[in-house]
Protein backbone atom coordinates (compact mmCIF):
# COMPACT_ATOMS: atom_id res chain seq x y z
CA UNK A 1 27.34 5.01 -23.48
CA UNK A 2 23.57 5.60 -23.67
CA UNK A 3 23.87 7.94 -26.64
CA UNK A 4 26.26 5.50 -28.35
CA UNK A 5 23.73 2.72 -27.93
CA UNK A 6 20.94 4.86 -29.40
CA UNK A 7 23.22 5.71 -32.33
CA UNK A 8 23.74 1.97 -32.95
CA UNK A 9 20.03 1.16 -33.20
CA UNK A 10 18.66 4.25 -34.97
CA UNK A 11 18.80 4.64 -38.76
CA UNK A 12 22.18 5.63 -40.14
CA UNK A 13 20.54 8.70 -41.68
CA UNK A 14 19.86 10.16 -38.21
CA UNK A 15 21.66 13.48 -37.98
CA UNK A 16 24.67 13.79 -35.66
CA UNK A 17 23.15 16.99 -34.26
CA UNK A 18 20.34 14.90 -32.75
CA UNK A 19 22.78 12.79 -30.72
CA UNK A 20 24.71 15.91 -29.71
CA UNK A 21 21.42 17.35 -28.46
CA UNK A 22 20.61 14.19 -26.48
CA UNK A 23 23.97 14.44 -24.73
CA UNK A 24 23.04 17.90 -23.38
CA UNK A 25 19.67 16.91 -21.90
CA UNK A 26 19.14 17.37 -18.16
CA UNK A 27 16.34 18.23 -15.71
CA UNK A 28 17.58 21.72 -14.84
CA UNK A 29 14.35 23.26 -16.19
CA UNK A 30 11.96 20.65 -14.79
CA UNK A 31 9.49 21.28 -11.95
CA UNK A 32 7.60 18.43 -10.28
CA UNK A 33 4.71 18.93 -7.90
CA UNK A 34 2.68 16.13 -6.35
CA UNK A 35 0.38 15.10 -3.56
CA UNK A 36 2.41 13.92 -0.54
CA UNK A 37 3.21 10.23 -0.77
CA UNK A 38 0.65 8.19 1.15
CA UNK A 39 -2.29 10.47 0.32
CA UNK A 40 -5.68 9.06 -0.63
CA UNK A 41 -6.45 10.04 -4.20
CA UNK A 42 -9.38 9.53 -6.56
CA UNK A 43 -9.89 8.78 -10.22
CA UNK A 44 -9.13 11.66 -12.64
CA UNK A 45 -7.41 13.77 -9.99
CA UNK A 46 -3.87 14.70 -11.13
CA UNK A 47 -1.60 13.56 -8.34
CA UNK A 48 1.67 14.52 -10.01
CA UNK A 49 2.38 17.46 -12.32
CA UNK A 50 5.53 17.86 -14.39
CA UNK A 51 6.58 21.12 -16.06
CA UNK A 52 9.56 21.46 -18.36
CA UNK A 53 10.84 21.33 -21.95
CA UNK A 54 8.60 19.12 -24.06
CA UNK A 55 11.15 16.47 -24.96
CA UNK A 56 12.38 16.13 -21.39
CA UNK A 57 8.92 15.68 -19.87
CA UNK A 58 8.06 13.21 -22.63
CA UNK A 59 11.16 11.16 -21.78
CA UNK A 60 10.09 11.12 -18.11
CA UNK A 61 6.67 9.65 -18.90
CA UNK A 62 7.47 5.94 -18.92
CA UNK A 63 9.76 6.13 -15.90
CA UNK A 64 7.22 8.01 -13.79
CA UNK A 65 4.33 5.72 -14.73
CA UNK A 66 6.45 2.65 -14.02
CA UNK A 67 7.35 4.05 -10.59
CA UNK A 68 3.83 4.98 -9.52
CA UNK A 69 1.50 2.41 -11.11
CA UNK A 70 2.45 -0.76 -9.25
CA UNK A 71 3.40 1.11 -6.08
CA UNK A 72 -0.04 2.72 -5.90
CA UNK A 73 -1.77 -0.51 -6.81
CA UNK A 74 -0.15 -2.66 -4.13
CA UNK A 75 -0.54 0.10 -1.51
CA UNK A 76 -4.23 0.28 -2.35
CA UNK A 77 -4.53 -3.49 -2.15
CA UNK A 78 -2.77 -3.50 1.22
CA UNK A 79 -5.16 -0.91 2.57
CA UNK A 80 -8.12 -3.06 1.55
CA UNK A 81 -6.71 -5.95 3.56
CA UNK A 82 -6.14 -3.59 6.49
CA UNK A 83 -9.72 -2.29 6.35
CA UNK A 84 -11.06 -5.84 6.37
CA UNK A 85 -8.71 -7.08 9.10
CA UNK A 86 -9.35 -4.12 11.40
CA UNK A 87 -6.81 -2.15 13.42
CA UNK A 88 -5.92 -4.80 16.01
CA UNK A 89 -4.84 -7.76 13.87
CA UNK A 90 -1.19 -7.75 12.79
CA UNK A 91 -0.63 -8.19 9.05
CA UNK A 92 2.51 -9.78 7.57
CA UNK A 93 3.43 -9.39 3.89
CA UNK A 94 4.66 -12.83 2.76
CA UNK A 95 4.60 -12.50 -1.03
CA UNK A 96 8.29 -12.76 -1.96
CA UNK A 97 7.97 -16.20 -3.57
CA UNK A 98 4.96 -15.25 -5.67
CA UNK A 99 5.84 -11.69 -6.68
CA UNK A 100 6.72 -10.59 -10.21
CA UNK A 101 10.48 -10.98 -9.88
CA UNK A 102 12.88 -9.55 -7.28
CA UNK A 103 12.11 -5.91 -8.13
CA UNK A 104 8.38 -6.54 -7.85
CA UNK A 105 8.93 -8.35 -4.56
CA UNK A 106 10.84 -5.44 -3.02
CA UNK A 107 8.24 -2.94 -4.26
CA UNK A 108 5.46 -5.11 -2.83
CA UNK A 109 7.17 -5.24 0.57
CA UNK A 110 7.78 -1.48 0.62
CA UNK A 111 4.41 -0.29 -0.61
CA UNK A 112 2.29 -2.77 1.30
CA UNK A 113 3.92 -1.22 4.38
CA UNK A 114 3.06 2.34 3.27
CA UNK A 115 1.20 3.66 0.18
CA UNK A 116 1.20 6.28 -2.75
CA UNK A 117 -0.25 7.37 -6.33
CA UNK A 118 0.17 10.12 -9.67
CA UNK A 119 -0.90 13.58 -13.19
CA UNK A 120 1.70 16.06 -15.52
CA UNK A 121 2.48 19.81 -16.96
CA UNK A 122 5.57 21.22 -18.93
CA UNK A 123 7.03 24.81 -19.37
CA UNK A 124 8.67 26.16 -22.43
CA UNK A 125 5.11 25.87 -23.20
CA UNK A 126 4.56 22.30 -22.20
CA UNK A 127 2.60 20.68 -19.45
CA UNK A 128 1.84 17.05 -18.80
CA UNK A 129 -0.08 15.28 -16.01
CA UNK A 130 -0.49 11.58 -14.85
CA UNK A 131 -3.76 10.59 -13.18
CA UNK A 132 -5.53 7.41 -12.13
CA UNK A 133 -8.36 6.33 -14.42
CA UNK A 134 -9.86 3.65 -12.19
CA UNK A 135 -13.29 4.65 -10.79
CA UNK A 136 -12.46 3.49 -7.29
CA UNK A 137 -10.56 5.51 -4.67
CA UNK A 138 -6.98 4.60 -3.88
CA UNK A 139 -7.08 3.50 -0.26
CA UNK A 140 -3.67 3.55 1.34
CA UNK A 141 -2.77 1.90 4.60
CA UNK A 142 -0.11 -0.50 5.65
CA UNK A 143 0.91 -3.92 6.78
CA UNK A 144 2.88 -4.27 10.00
CA UNK A 145 5.68 -6.61 8.92
CA UNK A 146 7.36 -8.28 5.95
CA UNK A 147 8.97 -11.70 5.60
CA UNK A 148 11.36 -10.20 3.03
CA UNK A 149 14.61 -9.77 4.97
CA UNK A 150 16.20 -7.67 2.21
CA UNK A 151 13.26 -5.23 2.37
CA UNK A 152 13.79 -5.04 6.11
CA UNK A 153 17.47 -4.22 5.60
CA UNK A 154 16.91 -1.67 2.81
CA UNK A 155 13.80 0.10 4.11
CA UNK A 156 13.73 -0.54 7.85
CA UNK A 157 10.45 -2.48 7.70
CA UNK A 158 9.96 -4.75 10.74
CA UNK A 159 10.66 -8.38 9.76
CA UNK A 160 8.66 -11.44 10.85
CA UNK A 161 8.61 -14.98 9.55
CA UNK A 162 7.89 -18.61 10.37
CA UNK A 163 9.84 -21.87 10.49
CA UNK A 164 9.92 -23.72 7.18
CA UNK A 165 7.98 -26.97 6.94
CA UNK A 166 11.03 -28.55 5.30
CA UNK A 167 13.14 -27.86 8.40
CA UNK A 168 10.63 -29.57 10.67
CA UNK A 169 10.21 -32.47 8.24
CA UNK A 170 13.98 -32.98 8.09
CA UNK A 171 13.85 -34.55 11.58
CA UNK A 172 12.63 -38.13 11.62
CA UNK A 173 12.83 -38.69 15.39
CA UNK A 174 13.33 -36.84 18.65
CA UNK A 175 16.74 -38.47 19.01
CA UNK A 176 18.02 -36.36 16.10
CA UNK A 177 17.19 -33.21 18.06
CA UNK A 178 18.54 -34.25 21.45
CA UNK A 179 22.16 -33.21 21.00
CA UNK A 180 21.45 -30.00 19.12
CA UNK A 181 19.31 -27.88 21.42
CA UNK A 182 20.27 -26.72 24.88
CA UNK A 183 19.36 -23.48 26.59
CA UNK A 184 20.71 -21.73 29.68
CA UNK A 185 18.01 -20.52 32.10
CA UNK A 186 17.53 -16.76 31.89
CA UNK A 187 18.10 -16.55 35.62
CA UNK A 188 21.52 -18.13 35.13
CA UNK A 189 22.95 -21.63 35.46
CA UNK A 190 24.06 -24.49 33.27
CA UNK A 191 22.40 -25.06 29.87
CA UNK A 192 19.46 -27.45 29.94
CA UNK A 193 18.62 -30.14 27.36
CA UNK A 194 15.44 -28.60 25.96
CA UNK A 195 14.07 -31.67 24.09
CA UNK A 196 14.35 -33.80 27.23
CA UNK A 197 12.70 -31.09 29.32
CA UNK A 198 9.91 -30.70 26.75
CA UNK A 199 9.39 -34.46 26.70
CA UNK A 200 8.89 -34.47 30.45
CA UNK A 201 6.32 -31.70 30.09
CA UNK A 202 4.59 -33.61 27.31
CA UNK A 203 3.91 -36.46 29.73
CA UNK A 204 2.19 -34.00 32.07
CA UNK A 205 0.33 -32.28 29.23
CA UNK A 206 -1.06 -35.59 28.02
CA UNK A 207 -2.86 -36.05 31.35
CA UNK A 208 -5.05 -33.00 30.57
CA UNK A 209 -8.33 -34.31 29.02
CA UNK A 210 -8.73 -31.22 26.83
CA UNK A 211 -5.26 -31.66 25.37
CA UNK A 212 -5.56 -35.42 24.92
CA UNK A 213 -8.12 -34.84 22.16
CA UNK A 214 -6.40 -31.81 20.69
CA UNK A 215 -4.81 -31.78 17.27
CA UNK A 216 -1.50 -33.63 17.32
CA UNK A 217 0.80 -30.64 17.04
CA UNK A 218 -0.78 -28.64 19.84
CA UNK A 219 0.21 -30.82 22.83
CA UNK A 220 3.78 -30.77 21.51
CA UNK A 221 3.70 -26.99 21.25
CA UNK A 222 2.33 -26.67 24.79
CA UNK A 223 5.04 -28.98 26.13
CA UNK A 224 7.83 -27.01 24.44
CA UNK A 225 6.28 -23.68 25.54
CA UNK A 226 6.04 -24.89 29.15
CA UNK A 227 9.65 -26.08 29.03
CA UNK A 228 10.71 -22.66 27.75
CA UNK A 229 8.66 -21.02 30.50
CA UNK A 230 10.46 -23.12 33.13
CA UNK A 231 13.74 -21.69 31.82
CA UNK A 232 12.40 -18.13 31.84
CA UNK A 233 11.53 -17.81 28.12
CA UNK A 234 8.19 -17.11 26.47
CA UNK A 235 6.87 -18.81 23.32
CA UNK A 236 6.31 -16.44 20.38
CA UNK A 237 3.14 -17.95 18.97
CA UNK A 238 1.25 -20.63 17.06
CA UNK A 239 0.87 -20.74 13.27
CA UNK A 240 -2.05 -22.40 11.46
CA UNK A 241 -1.85 -22.85 7.71
CA UNK A 242 -4.52 -25.29 6.57
CA UNK A 243 -8.12 -26.22 7.19
CA UNK A 244 -10.80 -24.03 8.75
CA UNK A 245 -8.51 -21.36 10.19
CA UNK A 246 -11.20 -19.43 12.08
CA UNK A 247 -12.54 -22.55 13.81
CA UNK A 248 -9.07 -23.89 14.52
CA UNK A 249 -8.03 -20.60 16.08
CA UNK A 250 -10.93 -20.86 18.52
CA UNK A 251 -10.04 -24.46 19.38
CA UNK A 252 -6.37 -23.56 19.88
CA UNK A 253 -7.25 -20.59 22.09
CA UNK A 254 -9.48 -22.78 24.22
CA UNK A 255 -6.63 -25.27 24.70
CA UNK A 256 -4.10 -22.54 25.51
CA UNK A 257 -6.39 -21.05 28.13
CA UNK A 258 -6.98 -24.46 29.71
CA UNK A 259 -3.25 -25.25 29.69
CA UNK A 260 -2.38 -21.86 31.19
CA UNK A 261 -4.95 -22.29 33.94
CA UNK A 262 -3.97 -25.91 34.67
CA UNK A 263 -0.24 -25.16 34.98
CA UNK A 264 -0.70 -21.65 36.39
CA UNK A 265 1.00 -19.84 33.49
CA UNK A 266 -1.13 -16.69 32.94
CA UNK A 267 0.52 -15.56 29.69
CA UNK A 268 -0.40 -18.81 27.98
CA UNK A 269 -3.92 -17.67 27.20
CA UNK A 270 -2.60 -14.66 25.24
CA UNK A 271 -0.09 -16.55 23.05
CA UNK A 272 -0.51 -15.03 19.56
CA UNK A 273 -2.18 -17.20 16.92
CA UNK A 274 -1.00 -16.56 13.35
CA UNK A 275 -2.63 -17.90 10.19
CA UNK A 276 -1.68 -18.15 6.53
CA UNK A 277 -2.75 -20.24 3.48
CA UNK A 278 -3.63 -18.28 0.35
CA UNK A 279 -5.39 -15.58 2.37
CA UNK A 280 -7.70 -13.33 0.33
CA UNK A 281 -10.18 -10.56 1.01
CA UNK A 282 -12.85 -13.23 1.11
CA UNK A 283 -10.88 -15.07 3.80
CA UNK A 284 -10.84 -11.96 6.00
CA UNK A 285 -14.57 -11.46 5.51
CA UNK A 286 -15.15 -15.07 6.60
CA UNK A 287 -12.98 -14.60 9.70
CA UNK A 288 -15.05 -11.56 10.63
CA UNK A 289 -18.35 -13.26 9.94
CA UNK A 290 -17.53 -16.47 11.84
CA UNK A 291 -15.51 -14.88 14.63
CA UNK A 292 -11.98 -16.02 15.42
CA UNK A 293 -9.08 -15.82 17.86
CA UNK A 294 -6.59 -14.83 15.16
CA UNK A 295 -3.93 -12.27 16.15
CA UNK A 296 -1.72 -12.22 13.04
CA UNK A 297 -2.39 -12.91 9.35
CA UNK A 298 0.21 -13.63 6.69
CA UNK A 299 -0.82 -12.59 3.15
CA UNK A 300 1.21 -13.40 0.06
CA UNK A 301 -0.14 -14.14 -3.41
CA UNK A 302 -3.38 -12.18 -3.15
CA UNK A 303 -1.51 -9.12 -1.88
CA UNK A 304 1.46 -8.84 -4.23
CA UNK A 305 -0.21 -10.01 -7.46
CA UNK A 306 -3.39 -7.90 -6.92
CA UNK A 307 -5.69 -10.46 -8.63
CA UNK A 308 -8.81 -8.30 -8.31
CA UNK A 309 -7.13 -5.61 -10.46
CA UNK A 310 -3.75 -6.72 -11.84
CA UNK A 311 -2.78 -3.25 -13.11
CA UNK A 312 -3.58 0.36 -12.30
CA UNK A 313 -4.47 2.62 -15.23
CA UNK A 314 -2.56 5.76 -14.33
CA UNK A 315 -2.05 7.99 -17.38
CA UNK A 316 0.35 10.83 -18.23
CA UNK A 317 -1.15 13.38 -20.61
CA UNK A 318 -0.13 16.67 -22.13
CA UNK A 319 -2.38 19.48 -20.86
CA UNK A 320 -0.55 22.67 -21.87
CA UNK A 321 2.02 23.65 -24.53
CA UNK A 322 3.74 27.06 -24.76
CA UNK A 323 1.16 28.54 -22.40
CA UNK A 324 -1.78 27.21 -24.44
CA UNK A 325 -4.05 24.62 -22.79
CA UNK A 326 -4.62 21.47 -24.85
CA UNK A 327 -7.22 18.76 -24.74
CA UNK A 328 -7.39 15.11 -25.79
CA UNK A 329 -10.86 14.57 -27.22
CA UNK A 330 -12.66 11.25 -26.95
CA UNK A 331 -16.26 10.05 -27.02
CA UNK A 332 -15.70 8.52 -23.57
CA UNK A 333 -15.88 11.45 -21.14
CA UNK A 334 -13.97 9.48 -18.47
CA UNK A 335 -10.94 9.30 -20.79
CA UNK A 336 -11.03 12.96 -21.80
CA UNK A 337 -8.17 15.00 -20.34
CA UNK A 338 -8.72 18.15 -18.29
CA UNK A 339 -6.76 20.99 -19.96
CA UNK A 340 -4.39 23.55 -18.48
CA UNK A 341 -1.95 23.78 -15.62
CA UNK A 342 -4.09 23.22 -12.55
CA UNK A 343 -4.21 23.53 -8.79
CA UNK A 344 -5.98 20.75 -6.89
CA UNK A 345 -7.96 21.37 -3.71
CA UNK A 346 -9.61 19.00 -1.26
CA UNK A 347 -12.81 20.35 0.30
CA UNK A 348 -13.83 19.27 3.80
CA UNK A 349 -17.21 19.33 5.55
CA UNK A 350 -17.98 20.39 9.12
CA UNK A 351 -17.30 16.85 10.38
CA UNK A 352 -13.76 16.99 9.02
CA UNK A 353 -14.39 14.56 6.18
CA UNK A 354 -13.32 15.38 2.60
CA UNK A 355 -16.42 15.58 0.42
CA UNK A 356 -15.01 16.72 -2.93
CA UNK A 357 -11.77 17.30 -4.84
CA UNK A 358 -11.73 20.45 -6.98
CA UNK A 359 -9.54 21.23 -9.99
CA UNK A 360 -9.03 24.90 -10.86
CA UNK A 361 -6.72 26.70 -13.27
CA UNK A 362 -3.41 27.65 -11.70
CA UNK A 363 -4.06 31.39 -12.14
CA UNK A 364 -7.44 31.30 -10.37
CA UNK A 365 -7.70 32.67 -6.82
CA UNK A 366 -7.59 29.97 -4.17
CA UNK A 367 -10.99 29.10 -2.68
CA UNK A 368 -11.51 29.92 0.99
CA UNK A 369 -13.19 28.13 3.86
CA UNK A 370 -16.83 29.24 4.14
CA UNK A 371 -16.89 30.56 0.57
CA UNK A 372 -19.71 29.46 -1.71
CA UNK A 373 -18.21 27.79 -4.77
CA UNK A 374 -19.90 27.04 -8.07
CA UNK A 375 -18.47 23.81 -9.48
CA UNK A 376 -19.13 21.20 -12.15
CA UNK A 377 -18.81 17.59 -11.06
CA UNK A 378 -17.12 15.33 -13.61
CA UNK A 379 -19.65 12.97 -15.11
CA UNK A 380 -22.42 15.57 -14.76
CA UNK A 381 -20.75 18.57 -16.40
CA UNK A 382 -24.08 19.93 -17.62
CA UNK A 383 -25.18 20.80 -14.08
CA UNK A 384 -23.68 23.56 -11.92
CA UNK A 385 -23.51 22.80 -8.20
CA UNK A 386 -22.93 25.07 -5.21
CA UNK A 387 -20.82 23.90 -2.27
CA UNK A 388 -19.51 25.60 0.88
CA UNK A 389 -16.40 23.90 2.33
CA UNK A 390 -15.53 24.24 6.00
CA UNK A 391 -11.84 23.66 5.21
CA UNK A 392 -9.88 23.89 1.96
CA UNK A 393 -6.60 22.00 1.50
CA UNK A 394 -4.30 22.46 -1.53
CA UNK A 395 -3.14 18.93 -2.39
CA UNK A 396 0.05 19.53 -4.40
CA UNK A 397 3.47 20.43 -3.05
CA UNK A 398 6.49 21.28 -5.18
CA UNK A 399 9.23 18.72 -4.57
CA UNK A 400 11.63 19.35 -7.48
CA UNK A 401 12.52 22.67 -9.14
CA UNK A 402 15.38 23.76 -11.44
CA UNK A 403 17.05 20.38 -11.19
CA UNK A 404 17.07 20.35 -7.38
CA UNK A 405 14.97 18.82 -4.62
CA UNK A 406 13.25 21.69 -2.85
CA UNK A 407 11.45 19.82 -0.08
CA UNK A 408 12.85 16.98 2.04
CA UNK A 409 11.28 13.61 1.40
CA UNK A 410 9.59 11.96 4.39
CA UNK A 411 10.79 8.71 5.92
CA UNK A 412 8.97 5.46 5.22
CA UNK A 413 7.35 5.55 8.64
CA UNK A 414 6.19 9.14 8.11
CA UNK A 415 4.62 8.16 4.79
CA UNK A 416 2.90 5.21 6.46
CA UNK A 417 1.50 7.43 9.21
CA UNK A 418 0.30 9.97 6.64
CA UNK A 419 -1.43 7.21 4.67
CA UNK A 420 -3.27 6.00 7.74
CA UNK A 421 -4.27 9.54 8.71
CA UNK A 422 -5.41 10.33 5.17
CA UNK A 423 -7.49 7.19 5.00
CA UNK A 424 -9.02 7.70 8.43
CA UNK A 425 -10.35 11.14 7.40
CA UNK A 426 -12.57 9.62 4.71
CA UNK A 427 -16.27 9.45 5.34
CA UNK A 428 -17.14 5.80 6.09
CA UNK A 429 -19.58 5.92 3.17
CA UNK A 430 -16.65 6.61 0.83
CA UNK A 431 -14.25 4.25 2.62
CA UNK A 432 -16.34 1.08 2.66
CA UNK A 433 -15.24 -1.60 0.23
CA UNK A 434 -18.67 -2.78 -0.88
CA UNK A 435 -20.84 -0.32 -2.79
CA UNK A 436 -19.02 2.82 -1.61
CA UNK A 437 -20.68 6.15 -2.18
CA UNK A 438 -19.03 7.77 -5.23
CA UNK A 439 -16.59 10.53 -4.28
CA UNK A 440 -17.18 13.61 -6.46
CA UNK A 441 -14.35 15.22 -8.39
CA UNK A 442 -15.19 18.64 -9.81
CA UNK A 443 -13.80 21.49 -11.91
CA UNK A 444 -14.22 25.20 -11.33
CA UNK A 445 -16.60 27.21 -13.51
CA UNK A 446 -13.67 28.88 -15.24
CA UNK A 447 -12.02 25.53 -16.01
CA UNK A 448 -15.36 24.20 -17.22
CA UNK A 449 -15.69 27.12 -19.65
CA UNK A 450 -12.18 26.47 -20.96
CA UNK A 451 -13.03 22.81 -21.43
CA UNK A 452 -16.20 23.69 -23.34
CA UNK A 453 -14.35 26.20 -25.56
CA UNK A 454 -11.64 23.68 -26.47
CA UNK A 455 -14.19 20.99 -27.23
CA UNK A 456 -16.14 23.34 -29.47
CA UNK A 457 -13.01 24.57 -31.24
CA UNK A 458 -11.97 21.00 -32.01
CA UNK A 459 -15.25 20.03 -33.65
């Protein structure tokens, strides 16, 4: 059907042999190597390498870039929110209504929970590599929950959500609720009319001076929570979604503590406080600066639409054909490709932090821990630099060879854990969001010589 469609839209002069050839295409000669999903990667580092027949790897280009660009972007964005929120606050992805369609919404839910990113090469002489062109590191870490129930079903992501305003607004009086809600005590017994029980608690709550002056919804919440407590249940939490969220959270916590102490309900003071309302990075910075009692944050629009950088500039470039390295020349050094089929290494210092990523030709001997290496840092290729790594880690693994998967893919939770571990290894100077120290990416001396030779030959 696909070949028939192509035949219908291509010129009638297209030879039949071309369509016969298309019908025989497969990935039996394709090899794909990549950094493990969830790894932190940096600009210009190839994170995916594809080897195979030229036409096949060219056909894979758009699919691969589509798969990795948004996934890496939203994972990076999620990690920025996590870094600002800190490790203790729970983060809920709530972007389904604002995402770029249902596919974008599912991708946002999945990759805000975990993380990932991509560079290519092709045999039969051909090699291609995608790599990120953005100058900032891709920081990958996850949210805790999603409000997207389908994402929870498909990917096993924990699901959390809140009651719709429209449901609450649909009730015009307490009488409408009376006949609908009854609960049996957990200890056993006949069901109890919860609204009536809550109303009796509200009368007692209103005698507390601190609650009398509280915001209107809070005494009602306390009354319902106390009624639930009497039946053996525990309230899940409070949600704030307008106004000064940091200040309100402190006021609410003060009321909950007073209510818990007054009615001798110890767990009241630890009731989770959740906030939402167009939360951005700036919002989290304000929460941190002002101090708050917030336990959970719901982020939607500013997570899934990535307004600070709406797209990620991963590229997929040919670097070798028929065993011959090739180079795309440009006056902008940042956009110039690095030729040849390469191996990528991450170099670590004595403190266990990565301090440099190194590209070397595939046939070069692997560098060793404690070995002095002469490298050229991209952006300053005119200067040789000597480094001595304490640990050397090859970044790429081969996942697909001869048309078959050759390494099992990790679960979503394993990818999430790897992302958090990868991010935590970064030096704080590289990890900080404001004015981070540039992370150097370098090439070996041999690769530098090849680069210089190809540039000279092309002039």
